[in-house]
Structures are given as structure tokens and as C-alpha cells.
């Protein structure tokens, strides 16, 4: 992430650096795959490769989008993590900011608690570092 001047020399703004984001996702996802996507299913960044990142983004985006659209009645329990069990592994996902989902994919040998702990630690780090970027509508 870096600072840059706003339009016309106004206050500095945060800019997202894709390479830095990919390195961060890679460092947290070993030996699996991590990805950041929107609740519309758009893949923003990924690290590691299973060949099914777009499918995973689509599945979790649909789940989180449904949850967000459910309104207060559905969100009363404050869902933290969505797990998806697949034939060849597991996907854990968490909402980082409204409209932004973090996912981690791992094989079935990785315990759900371990997967969730890594996911939530990375979420905390992203919230800290991307908070200003998303607060400014970037």
C-alpha cells in the first residue's frame, strides 16, 4: 500500500498495490490457496493455485451476498465464517468489509479450527491495512 496525492494536490489517499496484496495472501495461505473477492463473485487477488479459484469465489460470493441481502433478521446472529465442504477440500470464508470476502482453501487434512484461525488472523491484518482504502471508497 502506498500514499499518493489526491486529485488537484488534495489530501493523500491510499492506493492498493496488487503485488503486495498477493504476497500477503500467499504468506498466509501456505500450503493452500487464499483469495479475495467481492460478494458479486469478482476475483480481486489470489495466491496459490488449485485451478478452482473462480468457482470458489462464485460459491462463497453467492453465500455472502444472500446473507447481506437477508437484512437484520438474517444477520441477527452476526455470522462470522462460512465453511464449504467440497469433494477435494474445504473453503472457509469471512466478510472483511461489506462487499469484500476473504477465502482460504485447503485439503481435508487441515483441521477446520486451524483453517478458521488462519483466516481470522489474515482478516484482522487486512482490516487494519485496507481500512483506509475502503473507507475512501477505493
N, C-alpha and C. Protein backbone atom coordinates (compact mmCIF):
# COMPACT_ATOMS: atom_id res chain seq x y z
N UNK A 1 0.86 -1.16 0.00
CA UNK A 1 0.00 0.00 0.00
C UNK A 1 0.90 1.23 0.00
N UNK A 2 0.48 2.26 -0.68
CA UNK A 2 1.31 3.45 -0.71
C UNK A 2 0.43 4.69 -0.65
N UNK A 3 1.03 5.78 -0.31
CA UNK A 3 0.32 7.05 -0.25
C UNK A 3 0.52 7.78 -1.57
N UNK A 4 -0.51 8.48 -2.00
CA UNK A 4 -0.43 9.31 -3.21
C UNK A 4 -1.28 10.54 -2.98
N UNK A 5 -0.96 11.59 -3.69
CA UNK A 5 -1.77 12.81 -3.57
C UNK A 5 -3.11 12.60 -4.26
N UNK A 6 -4.14 13.18 -3.69
CA UNK A 6 -5.46 13.13 -4.31
C UNK A 6 -5.50 14.08 -5.50
N UNK A 7 -6.63 14.13 -6.15
CA UNK A 7 -6.80 14.99 -7.33
C UNK A 7 -6.53 16.44 -6.95
N UNK A 8 -5.79 17.14 -7.79
CA UNK A 8 -5.51 18.55 -7.56
C UNK A 8 -4.64 18.82 -6.36
N UNK A 9 -3.83 17.82 -5.93
CA UNK A 9 -2.94 18.02 -4.80
C UNK A 9 -3.65 17.99 -3.46
N UNK A 10 -4.87 17.46 -3.42
CA UNK A 10 -5.61 17.38 -2.17
C UNK A 10 -4.97 16.37 -1.22
N UNK A 11 -5.64 16.07 -0.16
CA UNK A 11 -5.12 15.18 0.87
C UNK A 11 -4.67 13.86 0.27
N UNK A 12 -3.63 13.24 0.87
CA UNK A 12 -3.14 11.97 0.35
C UNK A 12 -4.22 10.89 0.45
N UNK A 13 -4.16 9.93 -0.48
CA UNK A 13 -5.08 8.80 -0.46
C UNK A 13 -4.28 7.51 -0.49
N UNK A 14 -4.86 6.44 0.02
CA UNK A 14 -4.22 5.13 -0.01
C UNK A 14 -4.50 4.47 -1.35
N UNK A 15 -3.50 3.78 -1.88
CA UNK A 15 -3.65 3.07 -3.14
C UNK A 15 -3.30 1.60 -2.90
N UNK A 16 -4.13 0.73 -3.42
CA UNK A 16 -3.93 -0.70 -3.28
C UNK A 16 -2.86 -1.17 -4.25
N UNK A 17 -1.87 -1.89 -3.75
CA UNK A 17 -0.81 -2.44 -4.60
C UNK A 17 -1.07 -3.94 -4.75
N UNK A 18 -1.48 -4.37 -5.95
CA UNK A 18 -1.83 -5.78 -6.16
C UNK A 18 -0.72 -6.76 -5.80
N UNK A 19 0.54 -6.44 -6.10
CA UNK A 19 1.64 -7.35 -5.79
C UNK A 19 1.79 -7.56 -4.29
N UNK A 20 1.65 -6.48 -3.53
CA UNK A 20 1.75 -6.58 -2.07
C UNK A 20 0.60 -7.41 -1.51
N UNK A 21 -0.58 -7.22 -2.06
CA UNK A 21 -1.74 -7.99 -1.62
C UNK A 21 -1.56 -9.47 -1.92
N UNK A 22 -1.07 -9.80 -3.10
CA UNK A 22 -0.84 -11.20 -3.47
C UNK A 22 0.22 -11.84 -2.57
N UNK A 23 1.28 -11.10 -2.25
CA UNK A 23 2.31 -11.63 -1.34
C UNK A 23 1.74 -11.90 0.05
N UNK A 24 0.90 -10.99 0.53
CA UNK A 24 0.28 -11.17 1.83
C UNK A 24 -0.62 -12.41 1.83
N UNK A 25 -1.42 -12.56 0.81
CA UNK A 25 -2.29 -13.73 0.72
C UNK A 25 -1.48 -15.02 0.64
N UNK A 26 -0.38 -14.99 -0.11
CA UNK A 26 0.46 -16.19 -0.25
C UNK A 26 1.10 -16.56 1.08
N UNK A 27 1.59 -15.59 1.81
CA UNK A 27 2.27 -15.88 3.08
C UNK A 27 1.31 -16.52 4.08
N UNK A 28 0.05 -16.19 4.00
CA UNK A 28 -0.93 -16.72 4.96
C UNK A 28 -1.54 -18.03 4.52
N UNK A 29 -1.47 -18.35 3.25
CA UNK A 29 -2.22 -19.50 2.76
C UNK A 29 -1.43 -20.78 2.63
N UNK A 30 -0.15 -20.74 2.85
CA UNK A 30 0.67 -21.95 2.68
C UNK A 30 0.09 -23.08 3.51
N UNK A 31 -0.12 -24.27 3.02
CA UNK A 31 0.12 -24.74 1.67
C UNK A 31 -1.12 -24.66 0.77
N UNK A 32 -2.16 -24.00 1.20
CA UNK A 32 -3.40 -23.94 0.42
C UNK A 32 -3.46 -22.74 -0.50
N UNK A 33 -4.66 -22.24 -0.68
CA UNK A 33 -4.91 -21.10 -1.56
C UNK A 33 -5.74 -20.07 -0.82
N UNK A 34 -5.41 -18.80 -0.99
CA UNK A 34 -6.20 -17.71 -0.43
C UNK A 34 -6.67 -16.83 -1.56
N UNK A 35 -7.85 -16.26 -1.39
CA UNK A 35 -8.33 -15.33 -2.40
C UNK A 35 -9.20 -14.26 -1.76
N UNK A 36 -9.24 -13.14 -2.43
CA UNK A 36 -10.05 -12.00 -2.03
C UNK A 36 -10.99 -11.74 -3.20
N UNK A 37 -12.29 -11.67 -2.91
CA UNK A 37 -13.28 -11.45 -3.97
C UNK A 37 -14.39 -10.56 -3.45
N UNK A 38 -15.22 -10.13 -4.36
CA UNK A 38 -16.37 -9.33 -3.98
C UNK A 38 -17.56 -10.26 -3.76
N UNK A 39 -18.61 -9.72 -3.15
CA UNK A 39 -19.82 -10.52 -2.97
C UNK A 39 -20.58 -10.68 -4.29
N UNK A 40 -20.06 -10.08 -5.35
CA UNK A 40 -20.62 -10.29 -6.69
C UNK A 40 -19.86 -11.39 -7.44
N UNK A 41 -18.80 -11.92 -6.81
CA UNK A 41 -18.03 -13.01 -7.41
C UNK A 41 -16.81 -12.57 -8.19
N UNK A 42 -16.49 -11.28 -8.19
CA UNK A 42 -15.30 -10.79 -8.89
C UNK A 42 -14.06 -11.12 -8.09
N UNK A 43 -13.11 -11.80 -8.70
CA UNK A 43 -11.87 -12.17 -8.05
C UNK A 43 -10.93 -10.97 -8.07
N UNK A 44 -10.50 -10.51 -6.89
CA UNK A 44 -9.62 -9.35 -6.78
C UNK A 44 -8.16 -9.78 -6.77
N UNK A 45 -7.85 -10.80 -5.97
CA UNK A 45 -6.48 -11.29 -5.86
C UNK A 45 -6.52 -12.72 -5.34
N UNK A 46 -5.51 -13.50 -5.73
CA UNK A 46 -5.42 -14.86 -5.20
C UNK A 46 -3.96 -15.25 -5.09
N UNK A 47 -3.71 -16.24 -4.24
CA UNK A 47 -2.36 -16.76 -4.07
C UNK A 47 -2.46 -18.26 -3.88
N UNK A 48 -1.55 -18.98 -4.47
CA UNK A 48 -1.65 -20.43 -4.51
C UNK A 48 -2.53 -20.76 -5.70
N UNK A 49 -2.58 -22.00 -6.09
CA UNK A 49 -3.40 -22.32 -7.25
C UNK A 49 -3.95 -23.72 -7.15
N UNK A 50 -5.25 -23.81 -7.27
CA UNK A 50 -5.92 -25.10 -7.34
C UNK A 50 -6.63 -25.24 -8.67
N UNK A 51 -6.70 -24.15 -9.42
CA UNK A 51 -7.43 -24.14 -10.67
C UNK A 51 -8.91 -23.93 -10.49
N UNK A 52 -9.34 -23.79 -9.23
CA UNK A 52 -10.78 -23.61 -8.98
C UNK A 52 -11.07 -22.33 -8.20
N UNK A 53 -10.18 -21.35 -8.30
CA UNK A 53 -10.36 -20.11 -7.57
C UNK A 53 -11.63 -19.37 -7.99
N UNK A 54 -11.90 -19.32 -9.28
CA UNK A 54 -13.10 -18.62 -9.75
C UNK A 54 -14.37 -19.32 -9.29
N UNK A 55 -14.36 -20.66 -9.28
CA UNK A 55 -15.51 -21.41 -8.78
C UNK A 55 -15.72 -21.13 -7.30
N UNK A 56 -14.63 -21.15 -6.53
CA UNK A 56 -14.72 -20.89 -5.10
C UNK A 56 -15.23 -19.48 -4.84
N UNK A 57 -14.73 -18.51 -5.59
CA UNK A 57 -15.18 -17.12 -5.45
C UNK A 57 -16.67 -17.03 -5.72
N UNK A 58 -17.13 -17.73 -6.73
CA UNK A 58 -18.55 -17.70 -7.08
C UNK A 58 -19.41 -18.31 -5.99
N UNK A 59 -18.99 -19.44 -5.44
CA UNK A 59 -19.76 -20.12 -4.39
C UNK A 59 -19.85 -19.26 -3.13
N UNK A 60 -18.72 -18.78 -2.64
CA UNK A 60 -18.76 -18.00 -1.40
C UNK A 60 -19.39 -16.63 -1.61
N UNK A 61 -19.19 -16.05 -2.79
CA UNK A 61 -19.82 -14.76 -3.07
C UNK A 61 -21.34 -14.89 -3.01
N UNK A 62 -21.86 -15.96 -3.57
CA UNK A 62 -23.29 -16.20 -3.54
C UNK A 62 -23.79 -16.34 -2.10
N UNK A 63 -23.06 -17.09 -1.28
CA UNK A 63 -23.46 -17.28 0.11
C UNK A 63 -23.46 -15.96 0.88
N UNK A 64 -22.38 -15.18 0.75
CA UNK A 64 -22.29 -13.91 1.47
C UNK A 64 -23.27 -12.88 0.93
N UNK A 65 -23.49 -12.86 -0.36
CA UNK A 65 -24.45 -11.94 -0.95
C UNK A 65 -25.85 -12.22 -0.42
N UNK A 66 -26.21 -13.50 -0.34
CA UNK A 66 -27.50 -13.89 0.22
C UNK A 66 -27.61 -13.45 1.67
N UNK A 67 -26.54 -13.63 2.42
CA UNK A 67 -26.52 -13.22 3.82
C UNK A 67 -26.69 -11.70 3.95
N UNK A 68 -25.95 -10.92 3.13
CA UNK A 68 -26.06 -9.46 3.19
C UNK A 68 -27.46 -8.98 2.81
N UNK A 69 -28.08 -9.63 1.83
CA UNK A 69 -29.41 -9.24 1.38
C UNK A 69 -30.50 -9.65 2.35
N UNK A 70 -30.17 -10.54 3.27
CA UNK A 70 -31.15 -11.05 4.23
C UNK A 70 -31.60 -10.01 5.25
N UNK A 71 -30.86 -8.93 5.35
CA UNK A 71 -31.23 -7.86 6.26
C UNK A 71 -31.00 -8.21 7.72
N UNK A 72 -31.55 -7.39 8.58
CA UNK A 72 -31.32 -7.51 10.02
C UNK A 72 -31.81 -8.84 10.58
N UNK A 73 -32.92 -9.34 10.08
CA UNK A 73 -33.48 -10.58 10.60
C UNK A 73 -32.50 -11.73 10.42
N UNK A 74 -31.90 -11.83 9.24
CA UNK A 74 -30.95 -12.90 8.97
C UNK A 74 -29.62 -12.64 9.67
N UNK A 75 -29.22 -11.39 9.81
CA UNK A 75 -27.92 -11.05 10.36
C UNK A 75 -27.90 -10.91 11.87
N UNK A 76 -29.01 -11.21 12.54
CA UNK A 76 -29.09 -11.06 13.99
C UNK A 76 -28.02 -11.87 14.71
N UNK A 77 -27.63 -13.01 14.17
CA UNK A 77 -26.64 -13.87 14.80
C UNK A 77 -25.21 -13.48 14.50
N UNK A 78 -24.98 -12.47 13.65
CA UNK A 78 -23.64 -12.00 13.29
C UNK A 78 -22.73 -13.15 12.84
N UNK A 79 -23.10 -13.74 11.73
CA UNK A 79 -22.33 -14.83 11.13
C UNK A 79 -20.89 -14.38 10.92
N UNK A 80 -19.93 -15.19 11.37
CA UNK A 80 -18.52 -14.84 11.23
C UNK A 80 -17.85 -15.54 10.06
N UNK A 81 -18.09 -16.83 9.94
CA UNK A 81 -17.38 -17.63 8.94
C UNK A 81 -18.34 -18.57 8.24
N UNK A 82 -18.16 -18.72 6.94
CA UNK A 82 -18.91 -19.73 6.18
C UNK A 82 -17.91 -20.78 5.72
N UNK A 83 -18.20 -22.04 6.02
CA UNK A 83 -17.38 -23.16 5.58
C UNK A 83 -18.13 -23.91 4.49
N UNK A 84 -17.39 -24.32 3.48
CA UNK A 84 -17.95 -25.13 2.41
C UNK A 84 -17.10 -26.39 2.31
N UNK A 85 -17.74 -27.54 2.44
CA UNK A 85 -17.05 -28.82 2.33
C UNK A 85 -17.20 -29.30 0.88
N UNK A 86 -16.08 -29.53 0.22
CA UNK A 86 -16.07 -29.98 -1.18
C UNK A 86 -15.50 -31.39 -1.26
N UNK A 87 -15.60 -32.00 -2.41
CA UNK A 87 -15.08 -33.36 -2.59
C UNK A 87 -13.58 -33.43 -2.32
N UNK A 88 -12.85 -32.40 -2.74
CA UNK A 88 -11.39 -32.46 -2.63
C UNK A 88 -10.80 -31.47 -1.64
N UNK A 89 -11.62 -30.87 -0.80
CA UNK A 89 -11.08 -29.94 0.19
C UNK A 89 -12.15 -29.12 0.87
N UNK A 90 -11.70 -28.05 1.52
CA UNK A 90 -12.57 -27.17 2.29
C UNK A 90 -12.32 -25.72 1.91
N UNK A 91 -13.39 -24.93 2.00
CA UNK A 91 -13.28 -23.49 1.79
C UNK A 91 -13.82 -22.82 3.03
N UNK A 92 -13.06 -21.90 3.58
CA UNK A 92 -13.52 -21.07 4.70
C UNK A 92 -13.53 -19.63 4.20
N UNK A 93 -14.58 -18.90 4.54
CA UNK A 93 -14.66 -17.52 4.07
C UNK A 93 -15.20 -16.62 5.16
N UNK A 94 -14.80 -15.35 5.07
CA UNK A 94 -15.22 -14.35 6.04
C UNK A 94 -15.38 -13.01 5.32
N UNK A 95 -16.33 -12.24 5.77
CA UNK A 95 -16.55 -10.91 5.22
C UNK A 95 -15.56 -9.95 5.87
N UNK A 96 -14.72 -9.31 5.06
CA UNK A 96 -13.72 -8.37 5.58
C UNK A 96 -14.34 -6.99 5.72
N UNK A 97 -14.97 -6.52 4.66
CA UNK A 97 -15.72 -5.27 4.63
C UNK A 97 -17.00 -5.58 3.87
N UNK A 98 -18.02 -4.75 3.99
CA UNK A 98 -19.22 -5.00 3.18
C UNK A 98 -18.84 -5.11 1.70
N UNK A 99 -19.22 -6.22 1.11
CA UNK A 99 -18.93 -6.44 -0.30
C UNK A 99 -17.59 -7.09 -0.59
N UNK A 100 -16.74 -7.33 0.42
CA UNK A 100 -15.40 -7.90 0.22
C UNK A 100 -15.22 -9.16 1.07
N UNK A 101 -14.92 -10.27 0.40
CA UNK A 101 -14.83 -11.58 1.06
C UNK A 101 -13.41 -12.13 0.95
N UNK A 102 -12.92 -12.67 2.05
CA UNK A 102 -11.63 -13.36 2.10
C UNK A 102 -11.92 -14.85 2.20
N UNK A 103 -11.24 -15.65 1.38
CA UNK A 103 -11.42 -17.11 1.39
C UNK A 103 -10.08 -17.81 1.54
N UNK A 104 -10.12 -18.96 2.19
CA UNK A 104 -8.95 -19.84 2.24
C UNK A 104 -9.43 -21.23 1.85
N UNK A 105 -8.67 -21.85 0.96
CA UNK A 105 -8.99 -23.19 0.50
C UNK A 105 -7.87 -24.12 0.95
N UNK A 106 -8.24 -25.29 1.46
CA UNK A 106 -7.24 -26.25 1.92
C UNK A 106 -7.78 -27.66 1.70
N UNK A 107 -6.88 -28.64 1.73
CA UNK A 107 -7.36 -30.01 1.60
C UNK A 107 -7.98 -30.46 2.92
N UNK A 108 -8.58 -31.64 2.90
CA UNK A 108 -9.34 -32.11 4.05
C UNK A 108 -8.48 -32.51 5.25
N UNK A 109 -7.15 -32.54 5.07
CA UNK A 109 -6.29 -32.88 6.20
C UNK A 109 -6.11 -31.68 7.15
N UNK A 110 -6.44 -30.49 6.69
CA UNK A 110 -6.32 -29.29 7.52
C UNK A 110 -7.56 -29.19 8.40
N UNK A 111 -7.36 -29.12 9.70
CA UNK A 111 -8.48 -29.04 10.65
C UNK A 111 -9.24 -27.72 10.45
N UNK A 112 -10.56 -27.78 10.62
CA UNK A 112 -11.38 -26.57 10.45
C UNK A 112 -10.95 -25.47 11.41
N UNK A 113 -10.58 -25.81 12.63
CA UNK A 113 -10.13 -24.81 13.60
C UNK A 113 -8.87 -24.11 13.15
N UNK A 114 -7.94 -24.86 12.57
CA UNK A 114 -6.70 -24.29 12.05
C UNK A 114 -6.99 -23.37 10.88
N UNK A 115 -7.85 -23.83 9.98
CA UNK A 115 -8.22 -23.03 8.82
C UNK A 115 -8.90 -21.73 9.25
N UNK A 116 -9.81 -21.82 10.20
CA UNK A 116 -10.51 -20.63 10.68
C UNK A 116 -9.55 -19.68 11.40
N UNK A 117 -8.64 -20.19 12.20
CA UNK A 117 -7.69 -19.33 12.91
C UNK A 117 -6.82 -18.55 11.93
N UNK A 118 -6.33 -19.21 10.88
CA UNK A 118 -5.52 -18.53 9.87
C UNK A 118 -6.35 -17.49 9.12
N UNK A 119 -7.58 -17.85 8.80
CA UNK A 119 -8.48 -16.96 8.09
C UNK A 119 -8.76 -15.69 8.90
N UNK A 120 -9.08 -15.85 10.17
CA UNK A 120 -9.41 -14.69 11.01
C UNK A 120 -8.20 -13.82 11.29
N UNK A 121 -7.01 -14.43 11.40
CA UNK A 121 -5.79 -13.64 11.58
C UNK A 121 -5.51 -12.79 10.34
N UNK A 122 -5.69 -13.39 9.17
CA UNK A 122 -5.48 -12.63 7.93
C UNK A 122 -6.55 -11.55 7.77
N UNK A 123 -7.77 -11.85 8.15
CA UNK A 123 -8.85 -10.85 8.10
C UNK A 123 -8.50 -9.64 8.95
N UNK A 124 -8.03 -9.89 10.18
CA UNK A 124 -7.64 -8.78 11.07
C UNK A 124 -6.55 -7.93 10.43
N UNK A 125 -5.58 -8.59 9.81
CA UNK A 125 -4.49 -7.86 9.16
C UNK A 125 -5.01 -7.03 7.99
N UNK A 126 -5.90 -7.60 7.20
CA UNK A 126 -6.46 -6.86 6.06
C UNK A 126 -7.31 -5.69 6.52
N UNK A 127 -8.09 -5.88 7.57
CA UNK A 127 -8.90 -4.78 8.10
C UNK A 127 -8.02 -3.62 8.53
N UNK A 128 -6.93 -3.93 9.18
CA UNK A 128 -6.01 -2.90 9.65
C UNK A 128 -5.37 -2.15 8.48
N UNK A 129 -4.95 -2.90 7.45
CA UNK A 129 -4.22 -2.29 6.34
C UNK A 129 -5.09 -1.77 5.21
N UNK A 130 -6.28 -2.31 5.04
CA UNK A 130 -7.15 -1.87 3.96
C UNK A 130 -8.27 -0.95 4.42
N UNK A 131 -8.38 -0.75 5.72
CA UNK A 131 -9.45 0.06 6.26
C UNK A 131 -9.53 1.45 5.64
N UNK A 132 -8.40 2.13 5.52
CA UNK A 132 -8.39 3.47 4.94
C UNK A 132 -8.73 3.44 3.46
N UNK A 133 -8.27 2.42 2.75
CA UNK A 133 -8.55 2.31 1.32
C UNK A 133 -10.05 2.19 1.09
N UNK A 134 -10.69 1.30 1.85
CA UNK A 134 -12.12 1.08 1.65
C UNK A 134 -12.97 2.17 2.26
N UNK A 135 -12.47 2.85 3.27
CA UNK A 135 -13.21 3.97 3.85
C UNK A 135 -13.29 5.13 2.86
N UNK A 136 -12.30 5.22 1.96
CA UNK A 136 -12.27 6.29 0.97
C UNK A 136 -12.96 5.90 -0.33
N UNK A 137 -13.57 4.69 -0.33
CA UNK A 137 -14.31 4.25 -1.50
C UNK A 137 -13.45 3.75 -2.63
N UNK A 138 -12.22 3.35 -2.34
CA UNK A 138 -11.33 2.84 -3.39
C UNK A 138 -11.68 1.42 -3.74
